[in-house]
Protein backbone atom coordinates (compact mmCIF):
# COMPACT_ATOMS: atom_id res chain seq x y z
CA MET A 1 -23.18 15.47 -8.05
CA MET A 2 -20.34 17.10 -9.94
CA ASP A 3 -20.46 17.25 -13.72
CA ALA A 4 -18.65 13.96 -14.46
CA HIS A 5 -18.16 14.68 -18.17
CA ARG A 6 -16.60 18.07 -17.45
CA SER A 7 -14.44 16.62 -14.68
CA LEU A 8 -13.10 13.75 -16.76
CA THR A 9 -12.38 16.10 -19.63
CA GLU A 10 -10.31 18.19 -17.23
CA PHE A 11 -8.54 15.12 -15.91
CA GLN A 12 -7.64 13.88 -19.38
CA ALA A 13 -6.17 17.30 -20.11
CA THR A 14 -3.57 16.58 -17.42
CA LEU A 15 -2.50 13.41 -19.25
CA ASP A 16 -0.43 13.07 -22.40
CA PHE A 17 -3.03 10.92 -24.13
CA THR A 18 -6.79 10.63 -24.61
CA PHE A 19 -8.84 7.55 -23.78
CA ALA A 20 -10.26 5.75 -26.79
CA ASP A 21 -13.04 4.49 -24.52
CA PRO A 22 -14.05 7.27 -22.07
CA ALA A 23 -16.42 4.87 -20.29
CA LEU A 24 -13.39 2.95 -19.00
CA LEU A 25 -11.99 6.08 -17.42
CA GLN A 26 -15.38 6.94 -15.93
CA ARG A 27 -15.61 3.47 -14.41
CA ALA A 28 -12.29 4.03 -12.61
CA PHE A 29 -13.95 6.78 -10.58
CA VAL A 30 -17.19 5.01 -9.65
CA HIS A 31 -17.11 4.05 -5.98
CA ARG A 32 -19.44 1.21 -5.07
CA SER A 33 -21.31 3.47 -2.63
CA TYR A 34 -22.45 5.63 -5.57
CA LEU A 35 -24.33 2.77 -7.24
CA ASN A 36 -26.68 2.48 -4.27
CA GLU A 37 -27.96 5.98 -4.99
CA ALA A 38 -27.50 6.33 -8.76
CA SER A 39 -30.47 6.54 -11.10
CA ASP A 40 -31.62 3.43 -12.96
CA ASP A 41 -30.12 4.67 -16.23
CA PHE A 42 -26.59 4.80 -14.78
CA ASP A 43 -25.17 1.52 -16.09
CA ILE A 44 -21.43 1.86 -15.39
CA PRO A 45 -20.11 -0.70 -12.85
CA ASP A 46 -18.01 0.28 -9.83
CA ASN A 47 -14.21 0.43 -10.03
CA GLU A 48 -13.34 -2.64 -7.94
CA ARG A 49 -12.53 -4.96 -10.85
CA LEU A 50 -10.35 -2.26 -12.42
CA GLU A 51 -8.65 -1.84 -9.05
CA PHE A 52 -7.88 -5.58 -8.99
CA LEU A 53 -6.39 -5.44 -12.47
CA GLY A 54 -4.49 -2.23 -11.86
CA ASP A 55 -2.88 -3.64 -8.72
CA SER A 56 -1.35 -6.48 -10.76
CA VAL A 57 -0.31 -4.25 -13.65
CA LEU A 58 1.28 -1.77 -11.25
CA GLY A 59 3.21 -4.54 -9.50
CA PHE A 60 4.53 -5.81 -12.83
CA VAL A 61 5.61 -2.38 -14.08
CA ALA A 62 7.32 -1.62 -10.77
CA SER A 63 9.09 -4.99 -10.81
CA GLU A 64 10.25 -4.50 -14.39
CA LEU A 65 11.52 -0.99 -13.65
CA LEU A 66 13.50 -2.18 -10.63
CA PHE A 67 14.86 -5.22 -12.46
CA ARG A 68 16.29 -3.01 -15.19
CA ARG A 69 17.37 -0.14 -12.94
CA TYR A 70 19.20 -2.26 -10.36
CA PRO A 71 20.87 -5.13 -12.29
CA LYS A 72 23.13 -6.10 -9.35
CA ARG A 73 20.55 -6.04 -6.57
CA LEU A 74 19.34 -9.32 -5.04
CA GLU A 75 15.75 -10.53 -5.06
CA GLY A 76 15.15 -9.55 -1.43
CA GLU A 77 16.39 -6.02 -2.03
CA LEU A 78 14.19 -5.63 -5.09
CA THR A 79 11.24 -6.94 -3.08
CA ASN A 80 11.84 -4.27 -0.44
CA LEU A 81 11.93 -1.56 -3.07
CA ARG A 82 8.80 -2.78 -4.83
CA ALA A 83 6.93 -2.89 -1.53
CA ALA A 84 7.83 0.77 -0.98
CA LEU A 85 6.62 1.72 -4.45
CA VAL A 86 3.22 0.03 -4.31
CA ARG A 87 2.30 0.53 -0.64
CA ARG A 88 -1.01 2.21 0.13
CA GLU A 89 0.44 5.47 1.41
CA THR A 90 2.60 5.91 -1.69
CA LEU A 91 -0.27 5.30 -4.11
CA ALA A 92 -2.59 7.55 -2.11
CA ARG A 93 0.00 10.32 -2.41
CA PHE A 94 0.18 9.79 -6.18
CA ALA A 95 -3.62 10.05 -6.26
CA GLU A 96 -3.54 13.28 -4.25
CA GLU A 97 -1.00 14.79 -6.64
CA LEU A 98 -3.33 13.98 -9.53
CA LYS A 99 -6.35 15.20 -7.53
CA LEU A 100 -8.14 11.92 -8.24
CA GLY A 101 -10.43 12.44 -5.28
CA ASP A 102 -12.01 15.41 -7.04
CA TYR A 103 -13.37 13.15 -9.78
CA LEU A 104 -14.79 10.35 -7.62
CA LEU A 105 -18.48 9.52 -7.73
CA LEU A 106 -19.47 8.72 -4.14
CA GLY A 107 -22.63 7.99 -2.21
CA HIS A 108 -23.75 10.65 0.26
CA GLY A 109 -22.68 8.63 3.29
CA GLU A 110 -19.22 8.01 1.89
CA GLU A 111 -18.91 11.66 0.93
CA GLU A 112 -19.89 12.88 4.38
CA SER A 113 -17.48 10.47 6.11
CA GLY A 114 -14.48 11.82 4.21
CA GLY A 115 -14.23 9.15 1.54
CA ARG A 116 -12.93 11.60 -1.04
CA THR A 117 -9.68 12.04 0.92
CA ARG A 118 -9.43 8.61 2.60
CA PRO A 119 -6.02 7.01 1.78
CA ALA A 120 -7.48 3.55 1.15
CA THR A 121 -10.03 4.98 -1.30
CA LEU A 122 -7.44 7.12 -3.07
CA CYS A 123 -5.08 4.16 -3.36
CA ALA A 124 -7.86 2.02 -4.85
CA THR A 125 -8.78 4.79 -7.30
CA PHE A 126 -5.19 5.14 -8.48
CA GLU A 127 -5.02 1.39 -9.09
CA ALA A 128 -8.34 1.54 -10.95
CA VAL A 129 -7.01 4.32 -13.20
CA VAL A 130 -3.94 2.17 -13.96
CA GLY A 131 -6.25 -0.72 -14.84
CA ALA A 132 -8.32 1.51 -17.10
CA ILE A 133 -5.23 2.82 -18.91
CA TYR A 134 -4.01 -0.75 -19.45
CA LEU A 135 -7.30 -1.92 -20.95
CA ASP A 136 -7.68 1.19 -23.10
CA SER A 137 -4.14 1.74 -24.37
CA GLY A 138 -1.91 -1.16 -23.32
CA LEU A 139 1.17 -1.70 -21.19
CA GLY A 140 3.31 0.86 -22.99
CA GLN A 141 0.97 3.68 -22.04
CA VAL A 142 0.87 2.45 -18.45
CA ARG A 143 4.67 2.58 -18.35
CA GLU A 144 4.63 6.17 -19.58
CA PHE A 145 2.02 7.11 -17.00
CA LEU A 146 3.89 5.47 -14.11
CA GLU A 147 7.58 5.62 -14.90
CA GLU A 148 8.43 9.17 -13.86
CA ARG A 149 6.47 8.83 -10.61
CA LEU A 150 8.04 5.48 -9.78
CA ILE A 151 11.57 6.66 -10.55
CA ASP A 152 11.19 9.72 -8.34
CA GLU A 153 9.78 7.58 -5.54
CA VAL A 154 12.40 4.85 -5.73
CA GLU A 155 15.16 7.44 -5.53
CA ARG A 156 13.50 8.79 -2.40
CA VAL A 157 13.00 5.48 -0.60
CA ALA A 158 15.95 3.41 -1.86
CA PRO A 159 18.48 4.48 0.82
CA SER A 160 16.30 3.34 3.73
CA ALA A 161 14.67 0.39 1.96
CA LEU A 162 18.04 -1.10 1.01
CA ALA A 163 20.14 -0.28 4.03
CA LYS A 164 18.15 -0.91 7.20
CA ASP A 165 16.54 -3.91 8.84
CA PRO A 166 13.04 -3.83 10.39
CA LYS A 167 14.29 -3.15 13.94
CA SER A 168 16.29 -0.14 12.77
CA ARG A 169 13.40 1.22 10.71
CA LEU A 170 10.94 0.70 13.55
CA GLN A 171 13.16 2.42 16.10
CA GLU A 172 13.61 5.46 13.85
CA TRP A 173 9.88 5.72 13.17
CA ILE A 174 8.71 5.26 16.76
CA GLN A 175 11.29 7.67 18.16
CA SER A 176 10.31 10.25 15.55
CA GLU A 177 6.52 9.84 15.83
CA MET A 178 6.02 8.80 19.45
CA GLY A 179 9.13 10.05 21.23
CA VAL A 180 9.81 6.67 22.87
CA THR A 181 12.09 3.69 22.27
CA PRO A 182 10.63 0.29 21.34
CA ARG A 183 11.23 -2.52 23.83
CA TYR A 184 11.61 -6.22 23.03
CA LYS A 185 10.70 -9.04 25.38
CA ALA A 186 10.89 -12.82 24.95
CA VAL A 187 7.43 -14.07 25.91
CA LEU A 188 7.87 -17.76 25.06
CA THR A 189 10.74 -20.23 24.58
CA GLU A 190 9.99 -23.64 23.08
CA GLY A 191 11.86 -26.78 22.11
CA PRO A 192 15.03 -28.57 23.26
CA ASP A 193 18.37 -26.78 23.56
CA HIS A 194 19.48 -27.80 20.05
CA ALA A 195 16.22 -26.68 18.39
CA ARG A 196 14.91 -23.70 20.34
CA PHE A 197 12.23 -21.35 19.05
CA PHE A 198 11.71 -17.93 20.60
CA THR A 199 8.65 -15.70 20.57
CA VAL A 200 9.38 -12.00 21.05
CA GLN A 201 6.93 -9.14 21.55
CA VAL A 202 7.75 -5.50 20.78
CA THR A 203 6.10 -2.70 22.75
CA ALA A 204 6.16 1.09 22.66
CA ASP A 205 4.95 3.10 25.63
CA LYS A 206 3.86 -0.23 27.21
CA ILE A 207 1.56 -1.09 24.27
CA ALA A 208 2.28 -4.21 22.19
CA TYR A 209 2.48 -3.57 18.45
CA GLY A 210 4.19 -6.67 17.11
CA VAL A 211 5.10 -10.28 17.83
CA GLY A 212 7.48 -12.61 16.02
CA ARG A 213 8.86 -16.13 16.20
CA GLY A 214 12.32 -17.38 15.21
CA ARG A 215 15.21 -19.72 15.90
CA SER A 216 17.00 -16.91 17.74
CA LYS A 217 15.79 -13.99 19.82
CA GLN A 218 17.23 -11.64 17.20
CA GLU A 219 15.34 -13.33 14.35
CA ALA A 220 12.12 -13.24 16.38
CA ALA A 221 12.67 -9.56 17.24
CA GLN A 222 13.15 -8.67 13.58
CA SER A 223 9.89 -10.46 12.76
CA ALA A 224 8.09 -8.61 15.56
CA ALA A 225 9.46 -5.29 14.31
CA ALA A 226 8.23 -6.05 10.78
CA MET A 227 4.73 -6.67 12.13
CA ALA A 228 4.82 -3.42 14.09
CA LEU A 229 5.92 -1.50 10.99
CA ALA A 230 2.99 -2.99 9.06
CA HIS A 231 0.68 -2.00 11.94
CA PHE A 232 1.84 1.61 11.60
CA GLY A 233 1.45 1.54 7.81
CA GLN A 234 5.18 1.65 7.19
CA LEU A 235 7.32 -0.26 4.70
CA ALA A 236 7.41 -3.87 5.92
CA PRO A 237 7.94 -6.38 3.09
CA GLU A 238 9.45 -8.76 5.65
CA TYR A 239 6.12 -9.07 7.49
CA THR A 240 4.40 -12.43 7.10
CA PRO A 241 1.06 -12.71 8.95
CA ASN A 242 0.83 -15.48 11.54
CA PRO A 243 -2.80 -15.35 12.76
CA GLU A 244 -2.36 -18.05 15.40
CA LEU A 245 0.67 -16.37 16.97
CA GLU A 246 -0.90 -12.93 16.80
CA ALA A 247 -4.15 -14.16 18.34
CA GLN A 248 -2.19 -15.56 21.28
CA PHE A 249 0.13 -12.65 22.03
CA MET A 250 -1.38 -9.47 20.58
CA PRO A 251 -4.11 -7.33 22.16
CA ALA A 252 -7.41 -7.21 20.27
CA GLU A 253 -6.97 -3.56 19.24
CA ALA A 254 -3.71 -4.38 17.42
CA LYS A 255 -5.20 -7.14 15.26
CA GLY A 256 -6.76 -6.86 11.83
CA PHE A 257 -4.80 -3.82 10.66
């Protein structure tokens, strides 16, 4: 195990403030796997409750920042931007920049399986750190910790998040990453002529990655594209899970992402 006291002292040196309660900061780096192997005198809980709190605090600070920064943008546009700011990949990148993985306390199994660099773990650790800062020093300190990072990120993602619909974003991503073009197919039409509902499936390289339902084929295709984007871990605030529809039309390997 690394010297936690030394590590946290080094981490705090990268911040512009010092924790009044160092135990809160230590808790932010305790992965639940570590507690299974820790000695009986280690009485600090894991970071999952701090992660829960930090997720909410982060969402609020991001919302407030966007509300003030974009006074003429509509709710849907602000929602798209916030989704880009708080998505797992973004927060994991913030954690990497801060080298949060270096300070994690992990069990041996989690360590050996790459937990220190796993995006989901890094994202959770970043949220836990935000929760710890909030409890220790309040919302103002959280704003100072987050604001520069969030502003830089929103300037990076705003053009695509505000300008393009899910189908456009999906086509760009799939063509860039897979070298193919997504295909859309109506797999079900329901209802009378005056109240039709369409179900559309989107595939890439003959593999289904999304399904959507709507009053028009275009609406259903946009919904399917949003699901596919979420499947690939991309920005998809438009995606609303529909377990019944997905169970009927999606292959097992594409579910539960």
